[in-house]
């Protein structure tokens, strides 16, 4: 659970980044849950960028 604001993530967001290219987080403040699933392990740089871009785009959409 996040206890401080960092980047796009609000306080209270909780979840997990898996080592196999998965990520899941729930944000009770914004009523939001996201689960991106990839087939590339986190050892590949593109997987980490893809997951970061997913969350960034999701939170940018809330601002629109």
Protein backbone atom coordinates (compact mmCIF):
# COMPACT_ATOMS: atom_id res chain seq x y z
CA UNK A 1 0.00 0.00 0.00
CA UNK A 2 1.32 3.42 -0.91
CA UNK A 3 1.77 5.73 2.02
CA UNK A 4 3.16 8.63 -0.01
CA UNK A 5 2.39 10.05 -3.42
CA UNK A 6 4.82 8.95 -6.11
CA UNK A 7 4.40 9.73 -9.79
CA UNK A 8 0.89 8.88 -10.91
CA UNK A 9 0.03 6.72 -7.88
CA UNK A 10 -2.12 8.23 -5.12
CA UNK A 11 -1.85 7.45 -1.42
CA UNK A 12 -3.87 4.31 -0.66
CA UNK A 13 -3.19 2.54 -3.95
CA UNK A 14 -2.16 -1.08 -3.44
CA UNK A 15 -1.11 -3.96 -5.63
CA UNK A 16 1.81 -5.91 -7.02
CA UNK A 17 4.18 -6.04 -9.99
CA UNK A 18 4.98 -9.64 -10.90
CA UNK A 19 8.24 -10.85 -12.38
CA UNK A 20 6.54 -12.41 -15.41
CA UNK A 21 5.28 -9.18 -16.97
CA UNK A 22 2.12 -8.79 -14.91
CA UNK A 23 0.87 -5.98 -12.71
CA UNK A 24 -2.26 -5.39 -10.68
CA UNK A 25 -3.25 -2.41 -8.58
CA UNK A 26 -6.40 -1.13 -6.95
CA UNK A 27 -6.99 2.53 -6.25
CA UNK A 28 -9.89 3.00 -3.81
CA UNK A 29 -9.61 6.81 -3.99
CA UNK A 30 -10.48 6.86 -7.72
CA UNK A 31 -12.54 3.64 -7.75
CA UNK A 32 -10.09 2.05 -10.17
CA UNK A 33 -8.59 -1.41 -10.69
CA UNK A 34 -6.12 -2.26 -13.46
CA UNK A 35 -4.52 -5.53 -14.51
CA UNK A 36 -2.12 -5.48 -17.48
CA UNK A 37 -0.84 -8.93 -18.47
CA UNK A 38 2.07 -9.44 -20.86
CA UNK A 39 3.89 -12.52 -22.06
CA UNK A 40 7.34 -11.03 -21.58
CA UNK A 41 9.19 -11.33 -18.28
CA UNK A 42 10.25 -8.24 -16.39
CA UNK A 43 13.85 -8.98 -17.35
CA UNK A 44 13.06 -7.54 -20.80
CA UNK A 45 13.16 -3.72 -20.80
CA UNK A 46 10.09 -3.36 -23.03
CA UNK A 47 7.86 -5.13 -20.53
CA UNK A 48 8.70 -2.67 -17.75
CA UNK A 49 8.10 0.27 -20.12
CA UNK A 50 4.80 -1.20 -21.29
CA UNK A 51 3.49 -1.59 -17.74
CA UNK A 52 4.64 1.92 -16.78
CA UNK A 53 2.96 3.33 -19.90
CA UNK A 54 -0.26 1.44 -19.08
CA UNK A 55 -0.54 3.02 -15.62
CA UNK A 56 0.50 6.46 -16.85
CA UNK A 57 -2.12 6.38 -19.63
CA UNK A 58 -4.80 5.13 -17.25
CA UNK A 59 -4.26 7.99 -14.81
CA UNK A 60 -3.97 10.56 -17.60
CA UNK A 61 -7.40 9.43 -18.82
CA UNK A 62 -8.84 10.25 -15.38
CA UNK A 63 -7.63 13.84 -15.75
CA UNK A 64 -9.46 14.30 -19.07
